[in-house]
Amino acid sequence: MSSTSLTLGNLIAAVLQFLILLFLLRALVYKKILGAMQQRRDNIAKQVNDSENLKAEAEKLRQEAESLVSQARDEAKQMLAQARRESDEQAKKIIEQAQREASYRQKAALEEIEHERDRALASIRSQVADLVLLASSKIIERNLTQEDQNRYLDEILKDAGQLQ
């Protein structure tokens, strides 16, 4: 037979070498490779799980942020409405105060006018009384005493008051 031919002994030796190599690989390398592959698989699963957790947390944070923004908008609307109400109330109070003050000033002016009118009438009555007394004394051509003048003055003022 030739040297290149396959003999039963060579075949058994090759199979034995293959089995020994397979056993050695399994004993020494295969467990480490499987362990590394399992560790990689676990690491990938952990990263996927972490990614999903982060995604869920990001979604939760996004919803919380939207909720906070919505609350802030609502609070801003409420604050604006409150400010408007307060400014309306303040404007109403200012208008009412101005109206009260105008009414008070109008009343004071009317009282002042009435007082001035009364003083003017009193002055006119006094002047009329003096003129009447003067005219009366010239008519009767006698001098009246102070008591007579006061009495006549009172009568004239009563008569003048009744004329109004």
Protein backbone atom coordinates (compact mmCIF):
# COMPACT_ATOMS: atom_id res chain seq x y z
CA MET A 1 0.00 0.00 0.00
CA SER A 2 1.05 3.49 -0.50
CA SER A 3 2.11 5.97 2.12
CA THR A 4 -0.75 8.23 1.32
CA SER A 5 -3.33 5.67 1.75
CA LEU A 6 -5.53 5.60 4.73
CA THR A 7 -5.09 2.64 7.00
CA LEU A 8 -7.24 1.50 9.81
CA GLY A 9 -4.56 2.35 12.31
CA ASN A 10 -4.18 5.84 10.94
CA LEU A 11 -7.92 6.25 11.01
CA ILE A 12 -8.17 5.15 14.61
CA ALA A 13 -5.26 7.42 15.56
CA ALA A 14 -6.86 10.39 13.81
CA VAL A 15 -10.20 9.73 15.47
CA LEU A 16 -8.44 9.35 18.84
CA GLN A 17 -6.50 12.58 18.28
CA PHE A 18 -9.72 14.34 17.30
CA LEU A 19 -11.53 13.05 20.40
CA ILE A 20 -8.61 14.01 22.67
CA LEU A 21 -8.48 17.44 21.05
CA LEU A 22 -12.23 17.77 21.42
CA PHE A 23 -12.04 16.69 25.08
CA LEU A 24 -9.16 19.10 25.79
CA LEU A 25 -10.95 21.94 24.02
CA ARG A 26 -14.10 21.18 25.94
CA ALA A 27 -12.31 20.90 29.25
CA LEU A 28 -10.09 23.92 28.82
CA VAL A 29 -11.61 26.35 26.32
CA TYR A 30 -15.26 25.44 25.71
CA LYS A 31 -16.43 26.34 29.25
CA LYS A 32 -14.60 29.66 29.06
CA ILE A 33 -16.09 30.41 25.64
CA LEU A 34 -19.57 29.42 26.83
CA GLY A 35 -19.05 31.51 30.00
CA ALA A 36 -17.92 34.52 27.94
CA MET A 37 -20.84 34.05 25.56
CA GLN A 38 -23.26 33.72 28.48
CA GLN A 39 -21.72 36.79 30.14
CA ARG A 40 -22.05 38.70 26.84
CA ARG A 41 -25.66 37.50 26.48
CA ASP A 42 -26.39 38.59 30.07
CA ASN A 43 -24.65 41.93 29.49
CA ILE A 44 -26.67 42.55 26.31
CA ALA A 45 -29.90 41.55 28.10
CA LYS A 46 -28.97 43.87 30.99
CA GLN A 47 -28.25 46.70 28.57
CA VAL A 48 -31.56 46.11 26.78
CA ASN A 49 -33.35 46.00 30.13
CA ASP A 50 -31.52 49.15 31.31
CA SER A 51 -32.38 50.81 28.01
CA GLU A 52 -36.04 49.92 28.43
CA ASN A 53 -35.96 51.16 32.04
CA LEU A 54 -34.30 54.39 30.93
CA LYS A 55 -36.85 54.75 28.17
CA ALA A 56 -39.70 54.19 30.64
CA GLU A 57 -38.10 56.63 33.10
CA ALA A 58 -37.59 59.18 30.32
CA GLU A 59 -41.26 58.80 29.35
CA LYS A 60 -42.27 59.20 32.99
CA LEU A 61 -40.08 62.32 33.30
CA ARG A 62 -41.54 63.67 30.04
CA GLN A 63 -45.06 63.17 31.39
CA GLU A 64 -44.10 64.80 34.69
CA ALA A 65 -42.56 67.71 32.79
CA GLU A 66 -45.74 68.07 30.71
CA SER A 67 -47.78 67.93 33.91
CA LEU A 68 -45.59 70.58 35.52
CA VAL A 69 -45.82 72.77 32.43
CA SER A 70 -49.58 72.33 32.42
CA GLN A 71 -49.75 73.19 36.13
CA ALA A 72 -47.52 76.21 35.57
CA ARG A 73 -49.80 77.37 32.74
CA ASP A 74 -52.88 76.88 34.91
CA GLU A 75 -51.25 78.74 37.79
CA ALA A 76 -50.19 81.54 35.45
CA LYS A 77 -53.76 81.78 34.13
CA GLN A 78 -55.11 81.84 37.67
CA MET A 79 -52.57 84.46 38.72
CA LEU A 80 -53.43 86.57 35.68
CA ALA A 81 -57.15 86.23 36.37
CA GLN A 82 -56.55 87.13 40.03
CA ALA A 83 -54.46 90.14 39.02
CA ARG A 84 -57.21 91.26 36.65
CA ARG A 85 -59.83 90.89 39.37
CA GLU A 86 -57.69 92.80 41.83
CA SER A 87 -56.97 95.56 39.31
CA ASP A 88 -60.68 95.79 38.48
CA GLU A 89 -61.51 96.00 42.18
CA GLN A 90 -58.80 98.61 42.70
CA ALA A 91 -60.09 100.64 39.75
CA LYS A 92 -63.63 100.37 41.14
CA LYS A 93 -62.43 101.54 44.56
CA ILE A 94 -60.55 104.46 43.00
CA ILE A 95 -63.62 105.47 40.98
CA GLU A 96 -65.86 105.20 44.04
CA GLN A 97 -63.40 107.24 46.10
CA ALA A 98 -63.23 109.89 43.35
CA GLN A 99 -67.03 109.99 43.17
CA ARG A 100 -67.29 110.33 46.97
CA GLU A 101 -64.69 113.06 46.94
CA ALA A 102 -66.44 114.87 44.07
CA SER A 103 -69.76 114.55 45.91
CA TYR A 104 -68.16 115.87 49.09
CA ARG A 105 -66.59 118.78 47.24
CA GLN A 106 -69.86 119.52 45.48
CA LYS A 107 -71.70 119.47 48.81
CA ALA A 108 -69.06 121.69 50.39
CA ALA A 109 -69.28 124.10 47.46
CA LEU A 110 -73.08 124.19 47.70
CA GLU A 111 -72.85 124.84 51.44
CA GLU A 112 -70.31 127.58 50.82
CA ILE A 113 -72.57 129.10 48.16
CA GLU A 114 -75.54 128.90 50.55
CA HIS A 115 -73.48 130.48 53.32
CA GLU A 116 -72.28 133.26 51.02
CA ARG A 117 -75.86 133.82 49.82
CA ASP A 118 -77.06 134.06 53.42
CA ARG A 119 -74.28 136.51 54.25
CA ALA A 120 -75.08 138.56 51.15
CA LEU A 121 -78.77 138.58 52.06
CA ALA A 122 -77.95 139.57 55.63
CA SER A 123 -75.72 142.33 54.33
CA ILE A 124 -78.42 143.50 51.94
CA ARG A 125 -81.03 143.40 54.73
CA SER A 126 -78.75 145.41 56.97
CA GLN A 127 -78.12 147.94 54.24
CA VAL A 128 -81.82 148.08 53.40
CA ALA A 129 -82.63 148.52 57.08
CA ASP A 130 -80.09 151.30 57.39
CA LEU A 131 -81.52 152.98 54.29
CA VAL A 132 -85.06 152.57 55.55
CA LEU A 133 -84.11 153.98 58.92
CA LEU A 134 -82.29 156.82 57.29
CA ALA A 135 -85.22 157.49 55.02
CA SER A 136 -87.69 157.15 57.88
CA SER A 137 -85.75 159.47 60.12
CA LYS A 138 -85.49 162.03 57.38
CA ILE A 139 -89.16 161.65 56.71
CA ILE A 140 -90.14 162.09 60.27
CA GLU A 141 -87.27 164.46 60.79
CA ARG A 142 -86.45 163.42 64.13
CA ASN A 143 -83.65 161.42 65.54
CA LEU A 144 -84.46 158.04 66.91
CA THR A 145 -82.82 156.56 69.88
CA GLN A 146 -80.68 153.47 69.54
CA GLU A 147 -83.44 151.38 71.08
CA ASP A 148 -85.99 152.71 68.60
CA GLN A 149 -83.64 152.07 65.74
CA ASN A 150 -83.13 148.45 66.83
CA ARG A 151 -86.86 147.92 67.21
CA TYR A 152 -87.61 149.40 63.78
CA LEU A 153 -84.74 147.42 62.32
CA ASP A 154 -86.14 144.16 63.69
CA GLU A 155 -89.59 144.96 62.29
CA ILE A 156 -88.17 145.81 58.89
CA LEU A 157 -86.08 142.64 58.84
CA LYS A 158 -89.15 140.57 59.71
CA ASP A 159 -91.10 142.25 56.95
CA ALA A 160 -88.20 141.79 54.52
CA GLY A 161 -87.92 138.10 55.52
CA GLN A 162 -91.64 137.60 54.85
CA LEU A 163 -91.29 139.11 51.43
CA GLN A 164 -88.91 136.43 50.33
